[in-house]
Amino acid sequence: MLFENAAVSFLKKIRSLNPHAKIVWAYGMLGDMLSVQIKDAVDRFRRENDDPDVWYLSLPAATEETMGSRDHPGPACHEAARTTADFLRII
């Protein structure tokens, strides 16, 4: 719950500085250990602030096969960019 509260505070700060922005929390490319907590924080923020312009976007995970040199995302990881672009087109 501590992380969720901090995440909601973070979203409040972003919203206060960007009152008309569409906010997308994209996560999961390099692991998804906090996905449930982040989704819960986004949902809670939306509910508590009646703010429909905040979303959670799950990114495709990078794998050993898709990584490039020195553990940086390789060309195959660009699927995350396509996922993000497609999502942004529909919101």
PDB file of N, CA and C in Angstrom:
ATOM      1  N   MET A   1       0.814  -1.199   0.000  1.00  0.00           N
ATOM      2  CA  MET A   1       0.000   0.000   0.000  1.00  0.00           C
ATOM      3  C   MET A   1       0.859   1.266   0.000  1.00  0.00           C
ATOM      4  N   LEU A   2       2.045   1.159   0.582  1.00  0.00           N
ATOM      5  CA  LEU A   2       2.948   2.304   0.620  1.00  0.00           C
ATOM      6  C   LEU A   2       3.308   2.741  -0.800  1.00  0.00           C
ATOM      7  N   PHE A   3       3.651   1.770  -1.666  1.00  0.00           N
ATOM      8  CA  PHE A   3       3.995   2.099  -3.049  1.00  0.00           C
ATOM      9  C   PHE A   3       2.785   2.692  -3.761  1.00  0.00           C
ATOM     10  N   GLU A   4       1.622   2.092  -3.577  1.00  0.00           N
ATOM     11  CA  GLU A   4       0.415   2.594  -4.243  1.00  0.00           C
ATOM     12  C   GLU A   4       0.134   4.040  -3.845  1.00  0.00           C
ATOM     13  N   ASN A   5       0.252   4.348  -2.560  1.00  0.00           N
ATOM     14  CA  ASN A   5       0.033   5.723  -2.103  1.00  0.00           C
ATOM     15  C   ASN A   5       1.032   6.679  -2.750  1.00  0.00           C
ATOM     16  N   ALA A   6       2.284   6.263  -2.831  1.00  0.00           N
ATOM     17  CA  ALA A   6       3.310   7.096  -3.463  1.00  0.00           C
ATOM     18  C   ALA A   6       3.016   7.280  -4.952  1.00  0.00           C
ATOM     19  N   ALA A   7       2.544   6.232  -5.607  1.00  0.00           N
ATOM     20  CA  ALA A   7       2.220   6.313  -7.028  1.00  0.00           C
ATOM     21  C   ALA A   7       1.046   7.256  -7.265  1.00  0.00           C
ATOM     22  N   VAL A   8       0.043   7.212  -6.407  1.00  0.00           N
ATOM     23  CA  VAL A   8      -1.097   8.131  -6.524  1.00  0.00           C
ATOM     24  C   VAL A   8      -0.624   9.566  -6.317  1.00  0.00           C
ATOM     25  N   SER A   9       0.245   9.790  -5.357  1.00  0.00           N
ATOM     26  CA  SER A   9       0.808  11.133  -5.136  1.00  0.00           C
ATOM     27  C   SER A   9       1.587  11.605  -6.359  1.00  0.00           C
ATOM     28  N   PHE A  10       2.341  10.691  -6.957  1.00  0.00           N
ATOM     29  CA  PHE A  10       3.090  11.002  -8.166  1.00  0.00           C
ATOM     30  C   PHE A  10       2.142  11.429  -9.292  1.00  0.00           C
ATOM     31  N   LEU A  11       1.050  10.689  -9.467  1.00  0.00           N
ATOM     32  CA  LEU A  11       0.071  11.041 -10.499  1.00  0.00           C
ATOM     33  C   LEU A  11      -0.580  12.394 -10.206  1.00  0.00           C
ATOM     34  N   LYS A  12      -0.851  12.688  -8.949  1.00  0.00           N
ATOM     35  CA  LYS A  12      -1.405  13.989  -8.581  1.00  0.00           C
ATOM     36  C   LYS A  12      -0.452  15.115  -8.961  1.00  0.00           C
ATOM     37  N   LYS A  13       0.823  14.896  -8.713  1.00  0.00           N
ATOM     38  CA  LYS A  13       1.835  15.903  -9.060  1.00  0.00           C
ATOM     39  C   LYS A  13       1.887  16.116 -10.573  1.00  0.00           C
ATOM     40  N   ILE A  14       1.899  15.014 -11.313  1.00  0.00           N
ATOM     41  CA  ILE A  14       1.916  15.128 -12.777  1.00  0.00           C
ATOM     42  C   ILE A  14       0.689  15.877 -13.266  1.00  0.00           C
ATOM     43  N   ARG A  15      -0.475  15.512 -12.722  1.00  0.00           N
ATOM     44  CA  ARG A  15      -1.711  16.171 -13.148  1.00  0.00           C
ATOM     45  C   ARG A  15      -1.690  17.653 -12.793  1.00  0.00           C
ATOM     46  N   SER A  16      -1.204  18.001 -11.616  1.00  0.00           N
ATOM     47  CA  SER A  16      -1.185  19.411 -11.219  1.00  0.00           C
ATOM     48  C   SER A  16      -0.301  20.246 -12.136  1.00  0.00           C
ATOM     49  N   LEU A  17       0.753  19.646 -12.644  1.00  0.00           N
ATOM     50  CA  LEU A  17       1.669  20.368 -13.540  1.00  0.00           C
ATOM     51  C   LEU A  17       1.237  20.307 -14.999  1.00  0.00           C
ATOM     52  N   ASN A  18       0.319  19.386 -15.306  1.00  0.00           N
ATOM     53  CA  ASN A  18      -0.135  19.179 -16.681  1.00  0.00           C
ATOM     54  C   ASN A  18      -1.641  18.950 -16.683  1.00  0.00           C
ATOM     55  N   PRO A  19      -2.419  19.997 -16.403  1.00  0.00           N
ATOM     56  CA  PRO A  19      -3.852  19.815 -16.168  1.00  0.00           C
ATOM     57  C   PRO A  19      -4.655  19.284 -17.352  1.00  0.00           C
ATOM     58  N   HIS A  20      -4.158  19.428 -18.564  1.00  0.00           N
ATOM     59  CA  HIS A  20      -4.936  18.986 -19.730  1.00  0.00           C
ATOM     60  C   HIS A  20      -4.303  17.801 -20.467  1.00  0.00           C
ATOM     61  N   ALA A  21      -3.253  17.255 -19.891  1.00  0.00           N
ATOM     62  CA  ALA A  21      -2.521  16.168 -20.561  1.00  0.00           C
ATOM     63  C   ALA A  21      -3.250  14.837 -20.441  1.00  0.00           C
ATOM     64  N   LYS A  22      -3.006  13.989 -21.410  1.00  0.00           N
ATOM     65  CA  LYS A  22      -3.371  12.586 -21.303  1.00  0.00           C
ATOM     66  C   LYS A  22      -2.150  11.901 -20.695  1.00  0.00           C
ATOM     67  N   ILE A  23      -2.346  11.213 -19.590  1.00  0.00           N
ATOM     68  CA  ILE A  23      -1.238  10.605 -18.858  1.00  0.00           C
ATOM     69  C   ILE A  23      -1.295   9.096 -19.060  1.00  0.00           C
ATOM     70  N   VAL A  24      -0.199   8.536 -19.538  1.00  0.00           N
ATOM     71  CA  VAL A  24      -0.115   7.088 -19.746  1.00  0.00           C
ATOM     72  C   VAL A  24       1.082   6.577 -18.953  1.00  0.00           C
ATOM     73  N   TRP A  25       0.826   5.674 -18.016  1.00  0.00           N
ATOM     74  CA  TRP A  25       1.897   5.033 -17.266  1.00  0.00           C
ATOM     75  C   TRP A  25       2.200   3.733 -17.992  1.00  0.00           C
ATOM     76  N   ALA A  26       3.252   3.747 -18.800  1.00  0.00           N
ATOM     77  CA  ALA A  26       3.658   2.573 -19.578  1.00  0.00           C
ATOM     78  C   ALA A  26       4.707   1.803 -18.778  1.00  0.00           C
ATOM     79  N   TYR A  27       4.482   0.504 -18.627  1.00  0.00           N
ATOM     80  CA  TYR A  27       5.333  -0.279 -17.734  1.00  0.00           C
ATOM     81  C   TYR A  27       5.353  -1.739 -18.157  1.00  0.00           C
ATOM     82  N   GLY A  28       6.456  -2.398 -17.886  1.00  0.00           N
ATOM     83  CA  GLY A  28       6.518  -3.838 -18.048  1.00  0.00           C
ATOM     84  C   GLY A  28       7.584  -4.343 -18.995  1.00  0.00           C
ATOM     85  N   MET A  29       8.235  -3.468 -19.698  1.00  0.00           N
ATOM     86  CA  MET A  29       9.226  -3.910 -20.669  1.00  0.00           C
ATOM     87  C   MET A  29      10.415  -4.612 -20.009  1.00  0.00           C
ATOM     88  N   LEU A  30      10.814  -4.129 -18.855  1.00  0.00           N
ATOM     89  CA  LEU A  30      11.968  -4.712 -18.172  1.00  0.00           C
ATOM     90  C   LEU A  30      11.566  -5.397 -16.869  1.00  0.00           C
ATOM     91  N   GLY A  31      10.398  -5.979 -16.878  1.00  0.00           N
ATOM     92  CA  GLY A  31       9.876  -6.678 -15.709  1.00  0.00           C
ATOM     93  C   GLY A  31       8.547  -6.076 -15.305  1.00  0.00           C
ATOM     94  N   ASP A  32       7.749  -6.886 -14.636  1.00  0.00           N
ATOM     95  CA  ASP A  32       6.417  -6.398 -14.272  1.00  0.00           C
ATOM     96  C   ASP A  32       6.085  -6.635 -12.801  1.00  0.00           C
ATOM     97  N   MET A  33       7.121  -6.618 -11.960  1.00  0.00           N
ATOM     98  CA  MET A  33       6.928  -6.886 -10.534  1.00  0.00           C
ATOM     99  C   MET A  33       5.917  -5.952  -9.880  1.00  0.00           C
ATOM    100  N   LEU A  34       5.791  -4.738 -10.365  1.00  0.00           N
ATOM    101  CA  LEU A  34       4.912  -3.756  -9.735  1.00  0.00           C
ATOM    102  C   LEU A  34       3.651  -3.477 -10.553  1.00  0.00           C
ATOM    103  N   SER A  35       3.385  -4.311 -11.558  1.00  0.00           N
ATOM    104  CA  SER A  35       2.252  -4.024 -12.441  1.00  0.00           C
ATOM    105  C   SER A  35       0.926  -3.942 -11.698  1.00  0.00           C
ATOM    106  N   VAL A  36       0.669  -4.838 -10.775  1.00  0.00           N
ATOM    107  CA  VAL A  36      -0.599  -4.818 -10.039  1.00  0.00           C
ATOM    108  C   VAL A  36      -0.707  -3.534  -9.222  1.00  0.00           C
ATOM    109  N   GLN A  37       0.358  -3.164  -8.535  1.00  0.00           N
ATOM    110  CA  GLN A  37       0.337  -1.961  -7.716  1.00  0.00           C
ATOM    111  C   GLN A  37       0.164  -0.698  -8.568  1.00  0.00           C
ATOM    112  N   ILE A  38       0.824  -0.664  -9.717  1.00  0.00           N
ATOM    113  CA  ILE A  38       0.700   0.512 -10.589  1.00  0.00           C
ATOM    114  C   ILE A  38      -0.706   0.583 -11.167  1.00  0.00           C
ATOM    115  N   LYS A  39      -1.234  -0.546 -11.645  1.00  0.00           N
ATOM    116  CA  LYS A  39      -2.616  -0.557 -12.160  1.00  0.00           C
ATOM    117  C   LYS A  39      -3.587  -0.094 -11.084  1.00  0.00           C
ATOM    118  N   ASP A  40      -3.421  -0.597  -9.866  1.00  0.00           N
ATOM    119  CA  ASP A  40      -4.301  -0.203  -8.761  1.00  0.00           C
ATOM    120  C   ASP A  40      -4.191   1.293  -8.478  1.00  0.00           C
ATOM    121  N   ALA A  41      -2.978   1.827  -8.521  1.00  0.00           N
ATOM    122  CA  ALA A  41      -2.775   3.258  -8.272  1.00  0.00           C
ATOM    123  C   ALA A  41      -3.438   4.093  -9.365  1.00  0.00           C
ATOM    124  N   VAL A  42      -3.281   3.681 -10.607  1.00  0.00           N
ATOM    125  CA  VAL A  42      -3.909   4.404 -11.722  1.00  0.00           C
ATOM    126  C   VAL A  42      -5.428   4.357 -11.578  1.00  0.00           C
ATOM    127  N   ASP A  43      -5.962   3.179 -11.312  1.00  0.00           N
ATOM    128  CA  ASP A  43      -7.415   3.045 -11.137  1.00  0.00           C
ATOM    129  C   ASP A  43      -7.913   3.907  -9.978  1.00  0.00           C
ATOM    130  N   ARG A  44      -7.191   3.866  -8.876  1.00  0.00           N
ATOM    131  CA  ARG A  44      -7.580   4.661  -7.709  1.00  0.00           C
ATOM    132  C   ARG A  44      -7.530   6.153  -8.010  1.00  0.00           C
ATOM    133  N   PHE A  45      -6.458   6.578  -8.681  1.00  0.00           N
ATOM    134  CA  PHE A  45      -6.346   7.992  -9.041  1.00  0.00           C
ATOM    135  C   PHE A  45      -7.509   8.413  -9.932  1.00  0.00           C
ATOM    136  N   ARG A  46      -7.825   7.611 -10.935  1.00  0.00           N
ATOM    137  CA  ARG A  46      -8.940   7.916 -11.849  1.00  0.00           C
ATOM    138  C   ARG A  46     -10.242   8.074 -11.071  1.00  0.00           C
ATOM    139  N   ARG A  47     -10.491   7.115 -10.180  1.00  0.00           N
ATOM    140  CA  ARG A  47     -11.726   7.116  -9.381  1.00  0.00           C
ATOM    141  C   ARG A  47     -11.793   8.326  -8.444  1.00  0.00           C
ATOM    142  N   GLU A  48     -10.743   8.509  -7.660  1.00  0.00           N
ATOM    143  CA  GLU A  48     -10.744   9.558  -6.640  1.00  0.00           C
ATOM    144  C   GLU A  48     -10.746  10.966  -7.223  1.00  0.00           C
ATOM    145  N   ASN A  49     -10.246  11.107  -8.432  1.00  0.00           N
ATOM    146  CA  ASN A  49     -10.133  12.431  -9.044  1.00  0.00           C
ATOM    147  C   ASN A  49     -11.053  12.614 -10.237  1.00  0.00           C
ATOM    148  N   ASP A  50     -11.905  11.628 -10.486  1.00  0.00           N
ATOM    149  CA  ASP A  50     -12.815  11.670 -11.632  1.00  0.00           C
ATOM    150  C   ASP A  50     -12.059  12.128 -12.886  1.00  0.00           C
ATOM    151  N   ASP A  51     -10.941  11.452 -13.138  1.00  0.00           N
ATOM    152  CA  ASP A  51     -10.032  11.829 -14.226  1.00  0.00           C
ATOM    153  C   ASP A  51      -9.939  10.691 -15.238  1.00  0.00           C
ATOM    154  N   PRO A  52     -10.684  10.792 -16.339  1.00  0.00           N
ATOM    155  CA  PRO A  52     -10.667   9.711 -17.332  1.00  0.00           C
ATOM    156  C   PRO A  52      -9.440   9.726 -18.249  1.00  0.00           C
ATOM    157  N   ASP A  53      -8.581  10.716 -18.112  1.00  0.00           N
ATOM    158  CA  ASP A  53      -7.437  10.860 -19.017  1.00  0.00           C
ATOM    159  C   ASP A  53      -6.130  10.333 -18.431  1.00  0.00           C
ATOM    160  N   VAL A  54      -6.229   9.281 -17.618  1.00  0.00           N
ATOM    161  CA  VAL A  54      -5.052   8.629 -17.044  1.00  0.00           C
ATOM    162  C   VAL A  54      -5.208   7.130 -17.282  1.00  0.00           C
ATOM    163  N   TRP A  55      -4.168   6.509 -17.841  1.00  0.00           N
ATOM    164  CA  TRP A  55      -4.227   5.090 -18.186  1.00  0.00           C
ATOM    165  C   TRP A  55      -2.963   4.360 -17.763  1.00  0.00           C
ATOM    166  N   TYR A  56      -3.105   3.051 -17.652  1.00  0.00           N
ATOM    167  CA  TYR A  56      -1.971   2.145 -17.476  1.00  0.00           C
ATOM    168  C   TYR A  56      -1.821   1.386 -18.779  1.00  0.00           C
ATOM    169  N   LEU A  57      -0.601   1.284 -19.287  1.00  0.00           N
ATOM    170  CA  LEU A  57      -0.324   0.531 -20.512  1.00  0.00           C
ATOM    171  C   LEU A  57       0.729  -0.517 -20.211  1.00  0.00           C
ATOM    172  N   SER A  58       0.364  -1.759 -20.416  1.00  0.00           N
ATOM    173  CA  SER A  58       1.304  -2.867 -20.232  1.00  0.00           C
ATOM    174  C   SER A  58       2.131  -3.030 -21.500  1.00  0.00           C
ATOM    175  N   LEU A  59       3.435  -2.934 -21.351  1.00  0.00           N
ATOM    176  CA  LEU A  59       4.333  -3.072 -22.493  1.00  0.00           C
ATOM    177  C   LEU A  59       4.767  -4.526 -22.654  1.00  0.00           C
ATOM    178  N   PRO A  60       5.067  -4.936 -23.890  1.00  0.00           N
ATOM    179  CA  PRO A  60       5.590  -6.290 -24.091  1.00  0.00           C
ATOM    180  C   PRO A  60       6.956  -6.421 -23.414  1.00  0.00           C
ATOM    181  N   ALA A  61       7.164  -7.539 -22.777  1.00  0.00           N
ATOM    182  CA  ALA A  61       8.408  -7.766 -22.038  1.00  0.00           C
ATOM    183  C   ALA A  61       9.581  -8.002 -22.979  1.00  0.00           C
ATOM    184  N   ALA A  62      10.691  -7.409 -22.625  1.00  0.00           N
ATOM    185  CA  ALA A  62      11.938  -7.708 -23.321  1.00  0.00           C
ATOM    186  C   ALA A  62      12.407  -9.080 -22.835  1.00  0.00           C
ATOM    187  N   THR A  63      12.961  -9.832 -23.737  1.00  0.00           N
ATOM    188  CA  THR A  63      13.462 -11.157 -23.374  1.00  0.00           C
ATOM    189  C   THR A  63      14.944 -11.238 -23.712  1.00  0.00           C
ATOM    190  N   GLU A  64      15.554 -12.298 -23.301  1.00  0.00           N
ATOM    191  CA  GLU A  64      16.964 -12.501 -23.618  1.00  0.00           C
ATOM    192  C   GLU A  64      17.180 -12.473 -25.131  1.00  0.00           C
ATOM    193  N   GLU A  65      16.217 -12.983 -25.871  1.00  0.00           N
ATOM    194  CA  GLU A  65      16.329 -13.033 -27.336  1.00  0.00           C
ATOM    195  C   GLU A  65      16.146 -11.665 -27.995  1.00  0.00           C
ATOM    196  N   THR A  66      15.422 -10.760 -27.339  1.00  0.00           N
ATOM    197  CA  THR A  66      15.155  -9.459 -27.952  1.00  0.00           C
ATOM    198  C   THR A  66      16.124  -8.370 -27.484  1.00  0.00           C
ATOM    199  N   MET A  67      16.948  -8.695 -26.500  1.00  0.00           N
ATOM    200  CA  MET A  67      17.891  -7.697 -25.998  1.00  0.00           C
ATOM    201  C   MET A  67      19.094  -7.588 -26.932  1.00  0.00           C
ATOM    202  N   GLY A  68      19.658  -6.387 -26.961  1.00  0.00           N
ATOM    203  CA  GLY A  68      20.852  -6.161 -27.752  1.00  0.00           C
ATOM    204  C   GLY A  68      22.092  -6.274 -26.884  1.00  0.00           C
ATOM    205  N   SER A  69      23.118  -5.580 -27.284  1.00  0.00           N
ATOM    206  CA  SER A  69      24.375  -5.670 -26.541  1.00  0.00           C
ATOM    207  C   SER A  69      24.288  -4.926 -25.212  1.00  0.00           C
ATOM    208  N   ARG A  70      25.073  -5.395 -24.268  1.00  0.00           N
ATOM    209  CA  ARG A  70      25.195  -4.788 -22.945  1.00  0.00           C
ATOM    210  C   ARG A  70      23.842  -4.594 -22.254  1.00  0.00           C
ATOM    211  N   ASP A  71      22.963  -5.554 -22.466  1.00  0.00           N
ATOM    212  CA  ASP A  71      21.639  -5.567 -21.839  1.00  0.00           C
ATOM    213  C   ASP A  71      20.769  -4.353 -22.175  1.00  0.00           C
ATOM    214  N   HIS A  72      20.974  -3.774 -23.321  1.00  0.00           N
ATOM    215  CA  HIS A  72      20.099  -2.707 -23.795  1.00  0.00           C
ATOM    216  C   HIS A  72      19.074  -3.319 -24.735  1.00  0.00           C
ATOM    217  N   PRO A  73      17.875  -2.757 -24.784  1.00  0.00           N
ATOM    218  CA  PRO A  73      16.867  -3.285 -25.701  1.00  0.00           C
ATOM    219  C   PRO A  73      17.379  -3.281 -27.140  1.00  0.00           C
ATOM    220  N   GLY A  74      17.191  -4.390 -27.810  1.00  0.00           N
ATOM    221  CA  GLY A  74      17.597  -4.513 -29.202  1.00  0.00           C
ATOM    222  C   GLY A  74      16.455  -4.132 -30.138  1.00  0.00           C
ATOM    223  N   PRO A  75      16.684  -4.228 -31.450  1.00  0.00           N
ATOM    224  CA  PRO A  75      15.656  -3.842 -32.426  1.00  0.00           C
ATOM    225  C   PRO A  75      14.317  -4.562 -32.216  1.00  0.00           C
ATOM    226  N   ALA A  76      14.342  -5.815 -31.792  1.00  0.00           N
ATOM    227  CA  ALA A  76      13.094  -6.544 -31.583  1.00  0.00           C
ATOM    228  C   ALA A  76      12.275  -5.943 -30.436  1.00  0.00           C
ATOM    229  N   CYS A  77      12.914  -5.224 -29.558  1.00  0.00           N
ATOM    230  CA  CYS A  77      12.206  -4.588 -28.441  1.00  0.00           C
ATOM    231  C   CYS A  77      11.387  -3.380 -28.894  1.00  0.00           C
ATOM    232  N   HIS A  78      11.566  -2.972 -30.123  1.00  0.00           N
ATOM    233  CA  HIS A  78      10.830  -1.816 -30.608  1.00  0.00           C
ATOM    234  C   HIS A  78       9.335  -2.079 -30.692  1.00  0.00           C
ATOM    235  N   GLU A  79       8.933  -3.314 -30.430  1.00  0.00           N
ATOM    236  CA  GLU A  79       7.509  -3.624 -30.345  1.00  0.00           C
ATOM    237  C   GLU A  79       6.850  -2.761 -29.265  1.00  0.00           C
ATOM    238  N   ALA A  80       7.595  -2.434 -28.229  1.00  0.00           N
ATOM    239  CA  ALA A  80       7.054  -1.560 -27.178  1.00  0.00           C
ATOM    240  C   ALA A  80       6.698  -0.193 -27.751  1.00  0.00           C
ATOM    241  N   ALA A  81       7.494   0.306 -28.663  1.00  0.00           N
ATOM    242  CA  ALA A  81       7.196   1.597 -29.296  1.00  0.00           C
ATOM    243  C   ALA A  81       5.936   1.489 -30.142  1.00  0.00           C
ATOM    244  N   ARG A  82       5.795   0.393 -30.877  1.00  0.00           N
ATOM    245  CA  ARG A  82       4.581   0.192 -31.680  1.00  0.00           C
ATOM    246  C   ARG A  82       3.351   0.078 -30.779  1.00  0.00           C
ATOM    247  N   THR A  83       3.488  -0.663 -29.683  1.00  0.00           N
ATOM    248  CA  THR A  83       2.385  -0.810 -28.731  1.00  0.00           C
ATOM    249  C   THR A  83       1.970   0.550 -28.198  1.00  0.00           C
ATOM    250  N   THR A  84       2.951   1.364 -27.836  1.00  0.00           N
ATOM    251  CA  THR A  84       2.673   2.689 -27.295  1.00  0.00           C
ATOM    252  C   THR A  84       2.019   3.585 -28.345  1.00  0.00           C
ATOM    253  N   ALA A  85       2.567   3.595 -29.550  1.00  0.00           N
ATOM    254  CA  ALA A  85       2.012   4.429 -30.619  1.00  0.00           C
ATOM    255  C   ALA A  85       0.574   4.023 -30.934  1.00  0.00           C
ATOM    256  N   ASP A  86       0.322   2.733 -31.017  1.00  0.00           N
ATOM    257  CA  ASP A  86      -1.043   2.260 -31.289  1.00  0.00           C
ATOM    258  C   ASP A  86      -1.996   2.700 -30.185  1.00  0.00           C
ATOM    259  N   PHE A  87      -1.557   2.595 -28.942  1.00  0.00           N
ATOM    260  CA  PHE A  87      -2.380   3.003 -27.804  1.00  0.00           C
ATOM    261  C   PHE A  87      -2.675   4.494 -27.862  1.00  0.00           C
ATOM    262  N   LEU A  88      -1.664   5.285 -28.137  1.00  0.00           N
ATOM    263  CA  LEU A  88      -1.844   6.748 -28.185  1.00  0.00           C
ATOM    264  C   LEU A  88      -2.802   7.165 -29.293  1.00  0.00           C
ATOM    265  N   ARG A  89      -2.857   6.387 -30.365  1.00  0.00           N
ATOM    266  CA  ARG A  89      -3.791   6.715 -31.453  1.00  0.00           C
ATOM    267  C   ARG A  89      -5.249   6.555 -31.036  1.00  0.00           C
ATOM    268  N   ILE A  90      -5.516   5.675 -30.089  1.00  0.00           N
ATOM    269  CA  ILE A  90      -6.926   5.409 -29.733  1.00  0.00           C
ATOM    270  C   ILE A  90      -7.418   6.182 -28.517  1.00  0.00           C
ATOM    271  N   ILE A  91      -6.502   6.821 -27.782  1.00  0.00           N
ATOM    272  CA  ILE A  91      -6.986   7.545 -26.593  1.00  0.00           C
ATOM    273  C   ILE A  91      -7.330   8.989 -26.923  1.00  0.00           C
TER     274      ILE A  91
END
